[in-house]
Amino acid sequence: MKRLFVLGLCLFFLAGVTGFAAAAEKELTPLEAKEKEIWSKACASVPKDRQLNVEQFKKLYDDVVAGKEKAYLIDTRTHPEFYAFHIPYTDHVHAGHMYTIPSLIKDKDAKIVVFCRTHKRQCYVAEKLIAYGYTNVWAFNDGIVGWIKAGYPVCNQFTGLFKITEYSKEFKEMDKEGKPMYRIREFHPY
């Protein structure tokens, strides 16, 4: 009888946790749902065999840096993100400035690999590049976050080459009450 009670209690707890998790899942607004649909369509514009994971991108990257292969490896993150750190020897065109790429890359058959932080912006950029007429567009799906998590180095103009040993999207410089933990800053970074 005691085991049956404990089993029942466990099942009740599990059902409650599952219910809370489902309730906590945010329901998308119609605009958010439409954006997700458009983003999915943009991602699908790059064939699956041209969507690279971190190991595939690293091999291509090594070949490009060694001069064994020609490709444009384009970081599509914002300027502040790129200047904070980026993959060494990669190109940079802010996603909002993708319209400049045809004046920068004249060869429609050039191998172009786009990436961003994870893989949101790169899908939009890749879709536009294909619409512009580029025939050899690739996407690095793991983005710079995947690169960092794999332990590969990044760089910037101030510190040179370095490795990020811990990555968390959750970090904020705020105390428990949501107040800044720093005393002064000329410009707010967020």
N, C-alpha and C. Protein backbone atom coordinates (compact mmCIF):
# COMPACT_ATOMS: atom_id res chain seq x y z
N MET A 1 0.83 -1.19 0.00
CA MET A 1 0.00 0.00 0.00
C MET A 1 0.88 1.27 0.00
N LYS A 2 1.95 1.22 0.81
CA LYS A 2 2.86 2.35 0.90
C LYS A 2 3.51 2.62 -0.46
N ARG A 3 3.91 1.55 -1.16
CA ARG A 3 4.53 1.71 -2.49
C ARG A 3 3.54 2.32 -3.48
N LEU A 4 2.32 1.89 -3.43
CA LEU A 4 1.29 2.40 -4.31
C LEU A 4 1.07 3.90 -4.06
N PHE A 5 1.08 4.29 -2.80
CA PHE A 5 0.93 5.68 -2.44
C PHE A 5 2.10 6.51 -2.98
N VAL A 6 3.33 6.02 -2.79
CA VAL A 6 4.53 6.72 -3.28
C VAL A 6 4.49 6.81 -4.80
N LEU A 7 4.13 5.73 -5.47
CA LEU A 7 4.02 5.73 -6.93
C LEU A 7 2.98 6.75 -7.39
N GLY A 8 1.84 6.78 -6.72
CA GLY A 8 0.79 7.74 -7.05
C GLY A 8 1.26 9.17 -6.85
N LEU A 9 1.97 9.40 -5.75
CA LEU A 9 2.50 10.72 -5.46
C LEU A 9 3.51 11.14 -6.53
N CYS A 10 4.37 10.22 -6.95
CA CYS A 10 5.35 10.50 -8.01
C CYS A 10 4.66 10.84 -9.32
N LEU A 11 3.64 10.06 -9.68
CA LEU A 11 2.90 10.33 -10.91
C LEU A 11 2.19 11.68 -10.86
N PHE A 12 1.62 12.01 -9.71
CA PHE A 12 0.97 13.31 -9.53
C PHE A 12 1.98 14.44 -9.71
N PHE A 13 3.15 14.29 -9.09
CA PHE A 13 4.21 15.29 -9.18
C PHE A 13 4.67 15.45 -10.63
N LEU A 14 4.90 14.32 -11.31
CA LEU A 14 5.34 14.34 -12.69
C LEU A 14 4.31 15.01 -13.59
N ALA A 15 3.06 14.71 -13.40
CA ALA A 15 2.00 15.34 -14.18
C ALA A 15 1.95 16.84 -13.93
N GLY A 16 2.14 17.23 -12.69
CA GLY A 16 2.15 18.66 -12.36
C GLY A 16 3.30 19.39 -13.00
N VAL A 17 4.49 18.81 -12.92
CA VAL A 17 5.66 19.43 -13.53
C VAL A 17 5.49 19.53 -15.03
N THR A 18 5.01 18.48 -15.65
CA THR A 18 4.78 18.48 -17.10
C THR A 18 3.76 19.55 -17.47
N GLY A 19 2.71 19.67 -16.68
CA GLY A 19 1.68 20.68 -16.94
C GLY A 19 2.23 22.09 -16.81
N PHE A 20 3.03 22.31 -15.76
CA PHE A 20 3.64 23.63 -15.58
C PHE A 20 4.58 23.96 -16.73
N ALA A 21 5.36 22.98 -17.17
CA ALA A 21 6.29 23.21 -18.27
C ALA A 21 5.54 23.58 -19.54
N ALA A 22 4.44 22.88 -19.81
CA ALA A 22 3.64 23.17 -21.00
C ALA A 22 3.01 24.56 -20.90
N ALA A 23 2.55 24.91 -19.70
CA ALA A 23 1.94 26.23 -19.51
C ALA A 23 2.99 27.33 -19.63
N ALA A 24 4.22 27.02 -19.21
CA ALA A 24 5.29 28.02 -19.25
C ALA A 24 5.77 28.28 -20.67
N GLU A 25 5.52 27.34 -21.60
CA GLU A 25 5.92 27.52 -22.97
C GLU A 25 5.12 28.68 -23.56
N LYS A 26 5.83 29.67 -24.04
CA LYS A 26 5.20 30.88 -24.51
C LYS A 26 4.43 30.64 -25.82
N GLU A 27 3.21 31.09 -25.84
CA GLU A 27 2.41 31.00 -27.06
C GLU A 27 2.81 32.17 -27.96
N LEU A 28 3.02 31.88 -29.23
CA LEU A 28 3.45 32.91 -30.17
C LEU A 28 2.28 33.80 -30.58
N THR A 29 2.56 35.09 -30.70
CA THR A 29 1.57 36.01 -31.26
C THR A 29 1.49 35.74 -32.76
N PRO A 30 0.46 36.22 -33.43
CA PRO A 30 0.38 36.03 -34.89
C PRO A 30 1.60 36.59 -35.63
N LEU A 31 2.12 37.73 -35.17
CA LEU A 31 3.31 38.30 -35.82
C LEU A 31 4.54 37.44 -35.58
N GLU A 32 4.70 36.93 -34.36
CA GLU A 32 5.83 36.06 -34.06
C GLU A 32 5.74 34.76 -34.85
N ALA A 33 4.55 34.23 -34.98
CA ALA A 33 4.35 32.99 -35.74
C ALA A 33 4.69 33.23 -37.21
N LYS A 34 4.29 34.38 -37.75
CA LYS A 34 4.58 34.71 -39.15
C LYS A 34 6.09 34.88 -39.36
N GLU A 35 6.76 35.52 -38.40
CA GLU A 35 8.21 35.69 -38.50
C GLU A 35 8.88 34.32 -38.49
N LYS A 36 8.44 33.44 -37.63
CA LYS A 36 9.01 32.10 -37.55
C LYS A 36 8.81 31.36 -38.87
N GLU A 37 7.65 31.50 -39.47
CA GLU A 37 7.36 30.88 -40.77
C GLU A 37 8.29 31.42 -41.86
N ILE A 38 8.46 32.74 -41.89
CA ILE A 38 9.32 33.37 -42.90
C ILE A 38 10.77 32.98 -42.69
N TRP A 39 11.20 32.94 -41.42
CA TRP A 39 12.57 32.54 -41.09
C TRP A 39 12.81 31.09 -41.52
N SER A 40 11.87 30.20 -41.26
CA SER A 40 12.01 28.80 -41.66
C SER A 40 12.14 28.67 -43.18
N LYS A 41 11.37 29.47 -43.90
CA LYS A 41 11.45 29.48 -45.37
C LYS A 41 12.83 29.98 -45.80
N ALA A 42 13.33 31.01 -45.15
CA ALA A 42 14.66 31.54 -45.48
C ALA A 42 15.73 30.49 -45.24
N CYS A 43 15.65 29.77 -44.12
CA CYS A 43 16.62 28.72 -43.81
C CYS A 43 16.57 27.61 -44.84
N ALA A 44 15.38 27.28 -45.31
CA ALA A 44 15.21 26.21 -46.28
C ALA A 44 15.76 26.58 -47.67
N SER A 45 16.06 27.86 -47.89
CA SER A 45 16.60 28.27 -49.19
C SER A 45 18.01 27.73 -49.41
N VAL A 46 18.71 27.41 -48.33
CA VAL A 46 20.05 26.82 -48.44
C VAL A 46 19.88 25.29 -48.37
N PRO A 47 20.29 24.58 -49.41
CA PRO A 47 20.14 23.12 -49.39
C PRO A 47 20.83 22.50 -48.18
N LYS A 48 20.28 21.41 -47.68
CA LYS A 48 20.82 20.74 -46.49
C LYS A 48 22.30 20.41 -46.63
N ASP A 49 22.74 20.02 -47.83
CA ASP A 49 24.14 19.65 -48.01
C ASP A 49 25.07 20.87 -48.04
N ARG A 50 24.49 22.06 -47.94
CA ARG A 50 25.30 23.29 -47.85
C ARG A 50 25.13 23.96 -46.48
N GLN A 51 24.58 23.24 -45.54
CA GLN A 51 24.45 23.74 -44.17
C GLN A 51 25.49 23.02 -43.32
N LEU A 52 26.45 23.78 -42.84
CA LEU A 52 27.61 23.22 -42.15
C LEU A 52 27.45 23.23 -40.64
N ASN A 53 27.94 22.15 -40.01
CA ASN A 53 28.06 22.16 -38.55
C ASN A 53 29.46 22.66 -38.20
N VAL A 54 29.78 22.72 -36.92
CA VAL A 54 31.04 23.33 -36.51
C VAL A 54 32.26 22.56 -37.03
N GLU A 55 32.20 21.23 -37.05
CA GLU A 55 33.35 20.45 -37.54
C GLU A 55 33.56 20.67 -39.04
N GLN A 56 32.47 20.70 -39.80
CA GLN A 56 32.57 20.93 -41.24
C GLN A 56 33.09 22.34 -41.53
N PHE A 57 32.59 23.30 -40.77
CA PHE A 57 33.04 24.68 -40.96
C PHE A 57 34.52 24.81 -40.60
N LYS A 58 34.94 24.17 -39.52
CA LYS A 58 36.35 24.24 -39.09
C LYS A 58 37.27 23.69 -40.17
N LYS A 59 36.88 22.58 -40.80
CA LYS A 59 37.70 22.01 -41.87
C LYS A 59 37.79 22.98 -43.04
N LEU A 60 36.65 23.54 -43.45
CA LEU A 60 36.65 24.52 -44.53
C LEU A 60 37.48 25.74 -44.13
N TYR A 61 37.28 26.22 -42.93
CA TYR A 61 38.03 27.38 -42.42
C TYR A 61 39.54 27.12 -42.52
N ASP A 62 39.98 25.96 -42.04
CA ASP A 62 41.41 25.62 -42.09
C ASP A 62 41.91 25.60 -43.52
N ASP A 63 41.11 25.06 -44.45
CA ASP A 63 41.51 25.01 -45.86
C ASP A 63 41.58 26.42 -46.46
N VAL A 64 40.64 27.28 -46.10
CA VAL A 64 40.64 28.65 -46.61
C VAL A 64 41.85 29.41 -46.07
N VAL A 65 42.11 29.30 -44.77
CA VAL A 65 43.24 30.01 -44.16
C VAL A 65 44.57 29.50 -44.73
N ALA A 66 44.65 28.20 -45.03
CA ALA A 66 45.87 27.61 -45.60
C ALA A 66 46.01 27.88 -47.10
N GLY A 67 44.98 28.48 -47.71
CA GLY A 67 45.02 28.77 -49.14
C GLY A 67 44.70 27.58 -50.02
N LYS A 68 44.16 26.52 -49.46
CA LYS A 68 43.79 25.32 -50.23
C LYS A 68 42.44 25.45 -50.90
N GLU A 69 41.62 26.36 -50.40
CA GLU A 69 40.29 26.57 -50.96
C GLU A 69 39.95 28.05 -50.89
N LYS A 70 39.14 28.50 -51.86
CA LYS A 70 38.69 29.89 -51.86
C LYS A 70 37.25 29.95 -51.41
N ALA A 71 36.97 30.80 -50.44
CA ALA A 71 35.60 31.02 -49.97
C ALA A 71 35.58 32.30 -49.17
N TYR A 72 34.44 32.96 -49.21
CA TYR A 72 34.20 34.10 -48.34
C TYR A 72 33.49 33.58 -47.10
N LEU A 73 34.07 33.78 -45.94
CA LEU A 73 33.48 33.35 -44.67
C LEU A 73 32.97 34.62 -44.01
N ILE A 74 31.68 34.87 -44.11
CA ILE A 74 31.12 36.18 -43.73
C ILE A 74 30.32 36.10 -42.44
N ASP A 75 30.80 36.83 -41.45
CA ASP A 75 30.13 37.02 -40.17
C ASP A 75 29.08 38.10 -40.38
N THR A 76 27.80 37.80 -40.10
CA THR A 76 26.72 38.75 -40.36
C THR A 76 26.21 39.43 -39.09
N ARG A 77 26.97 39.29 -37.99
CA ARG A 77 26.54 39.92 -36.74
C ARG A 77 26.72 41.44 -36.83
N THR A 78 26.24 42.15 -35.82
CA THR A 78 26.36 43.60 -35.80
C THR A 78 27.83 44.01 -35.62
N HIS A 79 28.10 45.27 -35.86
CA HIS A 79 29.47 45.78 -35.68
C HIS A 79 29.96 45.61 -34.24
N PRO A 80 29.16 45.99 -33.22
CA PRO A 80 29.65 45.78 -31.84
C PRO A 80 29.94 44.32 -31.52
N GLU A 81 29.09 43.40 -32.00
CA GLU A 81 29.34 41.98 -31.76
C GLU A 81 30.65 41.55 -32.41
N PHE A 82 30.86 41.97 -33.65
CA PHE A 82 32.07 41.59 -34.37
C PHE A 82 33.31 42.16 -33.70
N TYR A 83 33.26 43.43 -33.31
CA TYR A 83 34.44 44.05 -32.70
C TYR A 83 34.72 43.51 -31.31
N ALA A 84 33.71 43.01 -30.61
CA ALA A 84 33.94 42.39 -29.30
C ALA A 84 34.81 41.15 -29.48
N PHE A 85 34.46 40.29 -30.43
CA PHE A 85 35.28 39.14 -30.80
C PHE A 85 34.71 38.52 -32.07
N HIS A 86 35.59 37.91 -32.82
CA HIS A 86 35.17 37.24 -34.05
C HIS A 86 36.16 36.12 -34.37
N ILE A 87 35.79 35.29 -35.33
CA ILE A 87 36.67 34.22 -35.77
C ILE A 87 37.77 34.85 -36.61
N PRO A 88 39.02 34.57 -36.28
CA PRO A 88 40.13 35.20 -37.02
C PRO A 88 40.04 34.97 -38.53
N TYR A 89 40.43 35.97 -39.27
CA TYR A 89 40.52 35.93 -40.74
C TYR A 89 39.18 35.83 -41.45
N THR A 90 38.07 36.01 -40.74
CA THR A 90 36.77 35.98 -41.41
C THR A 90 36.39 37.38 -41.85
N ASP A 91 35.49 37.43 -42.83
CA ASP A 91 34.98 38.70 -43.33
C ASP A 91 33.80 39.14 -42.48
N HIS A 92 33.39 40.39 -42.65
CA HIS A 92 32.27 40.90 -41.87
C HIS A 92 31.40 41.80 -42.73
N VAL A 93 30.13 41.47 -42.81
CA VAL A 93 29.12 42.34 -43.41
C VAL A 93 27.90 42.22 -42.51
N HIS A 94 27.57 43.31 -41.85
CA HIS A 94 26.39 43.37 -40.98
C HIS A 94 25.17 42.92 -41.78
N ALA A 95 24.32 42.08 -41.19
CA ALA A 95 23.13 41.56 -41.89
C ALA A 95 22.29 42.67 -42.50
N GLY A 96 22.23 43.80 -41.82
CA GLY A 96 21.46 44.93 -42.35
C GLY A 96 22.09 45.59 -43.55
N HIS A 97 23.33 45.24 -43.84
CA HIS A 97 24.04 45.82 -44.99
C HIS A 97 24.32 44.77 -46.06
N MET A 98 23.54 43.70 -46.07
CA MET A 98 23.75 42.62 -47.05
C MET A 98 23.64 43.13 -48.47
N TYR A 99 22.93 44.23 -48.67
CA TYR A 99 22.77 44.79 -50.01
C TYR A 99 24.11 45.25 -50.60
N THR A 100 25.15 45.39 -49.76
CA THR A 100 26.46 45.81 -50.26
C THR A 100 27.26 44.65 -50.86
N ILE A 101 26.86 43.43 -50.58
CA ILE A 101 27.65 42.27 -51.01
C ILE A 101 27.81 42.20 -52.54
N PRO A 102 26.77 42.46 -53.34
CA PRO A 102 27.00 42.41 -54.79
C PRO A 102 28.06 43.39 -55.29
N SER A 103 28.27 44.50 -54.60
CA SER A 103 29.34 45.41 -55.03
C SER A 103 30.70 44.97 -54.50
N LEU A 104 30.70 44.06 -53.51
CA LEU A 104 31.95 43.57 -52.93
C LEU A 104 32.39 42.23 -53.54
N ILE A 105 31.45 41.38 -53.87
CA ILE A 105 31.74 40.06 -54.45
C ILE A 105 31.09 40.02 -55.82
N LYS A 106 31.90 40.17 -56.85
CA LYS A 106 31.38 40.28 -58.22
C LYS A 106 31.11 38.92 -58.87
N ASP A 107 31.75 37.86 -58.38
CA ASP A 107 31.62 36.53 -58.97
C ASP A 107 30.37 35.83 -58.41
N LYS A 108 29.36 35.61 -59.25
CA LYS A 108 28.11 34.99 -58.79
C LYS A 108 28.30 33.55 -58.36
N ASP A 109 29.41 32.91 -58.79
CA ASP A 109 29.68 31.52 -58.44
C ASP A 109 30.66 31.38 -57.26
N ALA A 110 31.05 32.49 -56.66
CA ALA A 110 31.98 32.43 -55.53
C ALA A 110 31.34 31.67 -54.37
N LYS A 111 32.15 30.91 -53.66
CA LYS A 111 31.65 30.20 -52.49
C LYS A 111 31.53 31.21 -51.35
N ILE A 112 30.31 31.36 -50.85
CA ILE A 112 30.03 32.32 -49.77
C ILE A 112 29.40 31.54 -48.62
N VAL A 113 30.04 31.60 -47.46
CA VAL A 113 29.52 30.95 -46.26
C VAL A 113 29.15 32.06 -45.28
N VAL A 114 27.89 32.09 -44.88
CA VAL A 114 27.44 33.12 -43.94
C VAL A 114 27.16 32.48 -42.58
N PHE A 115 27.40 33.27 -41.54
CA PHE A 115 27.09 32.82 -40.18
C PHE A 115 26.82 34.03 -39.31
N CYS A 116 26.23 33.76 -38.15
CA CYS A 116 25.95 34.82 -37.18
C CYS A 116 26.21 34.26 -35.79
N ARG A 117 25.49 34.74 -34.80
CA ARG A 117 25.71 34.25 -33.43
C ARG A 117 25.27 32.80 -33.31
N THR A 118 24.05 32.52 -33.72
CA THR A 118 23.55 31.14 -33.69
C THR A 118 23.19 30.75 -35.13
N HIS A 119 22.02 31.06 -35.59
CA HIS A 119 21.72 30.91 -37.02
C HIS A 119 20.41 31.58 -37.43
N LYS A 120 20.14 32.72 -36.89
CA LYS A 120 18.92 33.45 -37.24
C LYS A 120 19.18 34.37 -38.44
N ARG A 121 20.08 35.33 -38.26
CA ARG A 121 20.33 36.33 -39.30
C ARG A 121 20.91 35.72 -40.57
N GLN A 122 21.75 34.71 -40.41
CA GLN A 122 22.39 34.13 -41.58
C GLN A 122 21.38 33.56 -42.56
N CYS A 123 20.26 33.06 -42.06
CA CYS A 123 19.24 32.51 -42.96
C CYS A 123 18.67 33.61 -43.85
N TYR A 124 18.39 34.76 -43.26
CA TYR A 124 17.86 35.87 -44.05
C TYR A 124 18.89 36.35 -45.08
N VAL A 125 20.15 36.44 -44.65
CA VAL A 125 21.20 36.89 -45.57
C VAL A 125 21.38 35.87 -46.70
N ALA A 126 21.44 34.59 -46.35
CA ALA A 126 21.62 33.55 -47.37
C ALA A 126 20.49 33.59 -48.39
N GLU A 127 19.26 33.73 -47.90
CA GLU A 127 18.11 33.77 -48.81
C GLU A 127 18.24 34.95 -49.79
N LYS A 128 18.65 36.10 -49.29
CA LYS A 128 18.80 37.28 -50.16
C LYS A 128 19.93 37.08 -51.16
N LEU A 129 21.05 36.49 -50.71
CA LEU A 129 22.16 36.26 -51.63
C LEU A 129 21.74 35.35 -52.78
N ILE A 130 20.97 34.33 -52.47
CA ILE A 130 20.45 33.43 -53.49
C ILE A 130 19.51 34.20 -54.42
N ALA A 131 18.66 35.05 -53.85
CA ALA A 131 17.74 35.86 -54.67
C ALA A 131 18.52 36.84 -55.56
N TYR A 132 19.67 37.34 -55.06
CA TYR A 132 20.51 38.24 -55.87
C TYR A 132 21.09 37.52 -57.07
N GLY A 133 21.21 36.17 -56.98
CA GLY A 133 21.77 35.41 -58.09
C GLY A 133 23.04 34.64 -57.76
N TYR A 134 23.49 34.67 -56.53
CA TYR A 134 24.66 33.87 -56.15
C TYR A 134 24.28 32.39 -56.17
N THR A 135 25.19 31.57 -56.71
CA THR A 135 24.88 30.15 -56.93
C THR A 135 25.55 29.21 -55.94
N ASN A 136 26.43 29.72 -55.08
CA ASN A 136 27.23 28.86 -54.21
C ASN A 136 27.19 29.37 -52.77
N VAL A 137 25.98 29.51 -52.23
CA VAL A 137 25.77 30.06 -50.89
C VAL A 137 25.66 28.92 -49.88
N TRP A 138 26.39 29.05 -48.79
CA TRP A 138 26.43 28.06 -47.72
C TRP A 138 26.09 28.74 -46.40
N ALA A 139 25.72 27.94 -45.39
CA ALA A 139 25.41 28.48 -44.06
C ALA A 139 26.13 27.66 -43.00
N PHE A 140 26.77 28.36 -42.08
CA PHE A 140 27.40 27.70 -40.91
C PHE A 140 26.37 27.80 -39.80
N ASN A 141 25.63 26.71 -39.59
CA ASN A 141 24.47 26.72 -38.69
C ASN A 141 24.80 26.88 -37.21
N ASP A 142 25.95 26.41 -36.76
CA ASP A 142 26.27 26.50 -35.33
C ASP A 142 26.70 27.91 -34.93
N GLY A 143 27.07 28.72 -35.88
CA GLY A 143 27.44 30.10 -35.61
C GLY A 143 28.62 30.23 -34.68
N ILE A 144 28.88 31.47 -34.29
CA ILE A 144 30.05 31.72 -33.45
C ILE A 144 29.89 31.10 -32.06
N VAL A 145 28.66 30.92 -31.60
CA VAL A 145 28.44 30.25 -30.32
C VAL A 145 28.92 28.80 -30.41
N GLY A 146 28.60 28.12 -31.50
CA GLY A 146 29.07 26.76 -31.70
C GLY A 146 30.59 26.69 -31.79
N TRP A 147 31.18 27.68 -32.45
CA TRP A 147 32.64 27.78 -32.59
C TRP A 147 33.28 27.90 -31.20
N ILE A 148 32.73 28.77 -30.38
CA ILE A 148 33.26 28.98 -29.03
C ILE A 148 33.09 27.73 -28.18
N LYS A 149 31.91 27.13 -28.23
CA LYS A 149 31.65 25.93 -27.43
C LYS A 149 32.55 24.77 -27.84
N ALA A 150 32.98 24.74 -29.11
CA ALA A 150 33.90 23.70 -29.58
C ALA A 150 35.34 23.98 -29.12
N GLY A 151 35.57 25.14 -28.52
CA GLY A 151 36.90 25.45 -27.99
C GLY A 151 37.84 26.13 -28.96
N TYR A 152 37.31 26.64 -30.08
CA TYR A 152 38.17 27.30 -31.06
C TYR A 152 38.39 28.77 -30.67
N PRO A 153 39.52 29.34 -31.10
CA PRO A 153 39.85 30.71 -30.70
C PRO A 153 39.06 31.77 -31.45
N VAL A 154 38.94 32.91 -30.81
CA VAL A 154 38.38 34.11 -31.40
C VAL A 154 39.42 35.22 -31.21
N CYS A 155 39.14 36.38 -31.73
CA CYS A 155 40.10 37.47 -31.60
C CYS A 155 39.37 38.81 -31.61
N ASN A 156 40.09 39.84 -31.22
CA ASN A 156 39.66 41.22 -31.44
C ASN A 156 40.89 42.10 -31.52
N GLN A 157 40.71 43.35 -31.85
CA GLN A 157 41.86 44.23 -32.08
C GLN A 157 42.59 44.61 -30.80
N PHE A 158 41.98 44.41 -29.65
CA PHE A 158 42.60 44.82 -28.39
C PHE A 158 43.38 43.70 -27.72
N THR A 159 42.83 42.49 -27.72
CA THR A 159 43.48 41.40 -27.00
C THR A 159 44.13 40.38 -27.91
N GLY A 160 43.92 40.48 -29.20
CA GLY A 160 44.47 39.48 -30.11
C GLY A 160 43.67 38.19 -30.03
N LEU A 161 44.38 37.07 -30.11
CA LEU A 161 43.76 35.75 -30.13
C LEU A 161 43.49 35.26 -28.71
N PHE A 162 42.29 34.70 -28.47
CA PHE A 162 41.97 34.16 -27.15
C PHE A 162 40.85 33.14 -27.28
N LYS A 163 40.67 32.34 -26.22
CA LYS A 163 39.59 31.37 -26.17
C LYS A 163 38.63 31.76 -25.06
N ILE A 164 37.36 31.62 -25.32
CA ILE A 164 36.33 31.85 -24.32
C ILE A 164 36.06 30.50 -23.67
N THR A 165 36.27 30.42 -22.37
CA THR A 165 36.15 29.12 -21.70
C THR A 165 34.76 28.85 -21.16
N GLU A 166 33.93 29.87 -21.08
CA GLU A 166 32.56 29.68 -20.60
C GLU A 166 31.66 30.61 -21.39
N TYR A 167 30.52 30.08 -21.82
CA TYR A 167 29.56 30.89 -22.56
C TYR A 167 28.19 30.72 -21.91
N SER A 168 27.56 31.82 -21.56
CA SER A 168 26.22 31.77 -21.03
C SER A 168 25.44 32.97 -21.52
N LYS A 169 24.31 32.71 -22.09
CA LYS A 169 23.41 33.76 -22.59
C LYS A 169 22.71 34.46 -21.42
N GLU A 170 22.73 33.82 -20.26
CA GLU A 170 21.98 34.30 -19.11
C GLU A 170 22.66 35.44 -18.35
N PHE A 171 23.94 35.71 -18.61
CA PHE A 171 24.68 36.69 -17.83
C PHE A 171 24.14 38.10 -18.02
N LYS A 172 23.90 38.77 -16.93
CA LYS A 172 23.51 40.18 -16.94
C LYS A 172 24.20 40.83 -15.73
N GLU A 173 24.65 42.04 -15.87
CA GLU A 173 25.32 42.74 -14.77
C GLU A 173 24.30 43.45 -13.89
N MET A 174 23.37 42.70 -13.36
CA MET A 174 22.32 43.25 -12.51
C MET A 174 22.29 42.49 -11.19
N ASP A 175 21.85 43.18 -10.14
CA ASP A 175 21.70 42.50 -8.85
C ASP A 175 20.35 41.81 -8.78
N LYS A 176 20.02 41.28 -7.64
CA LYS A 176 18.78 40.51 -7.48
C LYS A 176 17.53 41.36 -7.70
N GLU A 177 17.65 42.67 -7.49
CA GLU A 177 16.50 43.56 -7.68
C GLU A 177 16.45 44.16 -9.08
N GLY A 178 17.36 43.73 -9.95
CA GLY A 178 17.36 44.24 -11.32
C GLY A 178 18.07 45.57 -11.49
N LYS A 179 18.84 45.98 -10.48
CA LYS A 179 19.59 47.24 -10.57
C LYS A 179 21.01 46.94 -11.06
N PRO A 180 21.61 47.87 -11.83
CA PRO A 180 22.97 47.64 -12.31
C PRO A 180 23.95 47.43 -11.16
N MET A 181 24.91 46.51 -11.36
CA MET A 181 25.92 46.25 -10.33
C MET A 181 27.17 47.09 -10.54
N TYR A 182 27.18 47.94 -11.54
CA TYR A 182 28.30 48.84 -11.75
C TYR A 182 27.87 50.23 -11.32
N ARG A 183 28.81 51.09 -11.08
CA ARG A 183 28.46 52.42 -10.58
C ARG A 183 28.28 53.44 -11.69
N ILE A 184 29.21 53.54 -12.62
CA ILE A 184 29.02 54.47 -13.74
C ILE A 184 29.54 53.85 -15.03
N ARG A 185 28.91 54.23 -16.12
CA ARG A 185 29.39 53.89 -17.46
C ARG A 185 28.95 55.04 -18.36
N GLU A 186 29.83 55.40 -19.27
CA GLU A 186 29.48 56.49 -20.18
C GLU A 186 28.32 56.11 -21.08
N PHE A 187 28.35 54.89 -21.61
CA PHE A 187 27.27 54.39 -22.45
C PHE A 187 26.80 53.07 -21.88
N HIS A 188 25.52 52.84 -21.89
CA HIS A 188 24.99 51.57 -21.39
C HIS A 188 25.19 50.51 -22.47
N PRO A 189 25.74 49.34 -22.11
CA PRO A 189 26.07 48.34 -23.12
C PRO A 189 24.92 47.49 -23.62
N TYR A 190 23.71 47.61 -23.09
CA TYR A 190 22.63 46.69 -23.50
C TYR A 190 21.53 47.42 -24.21
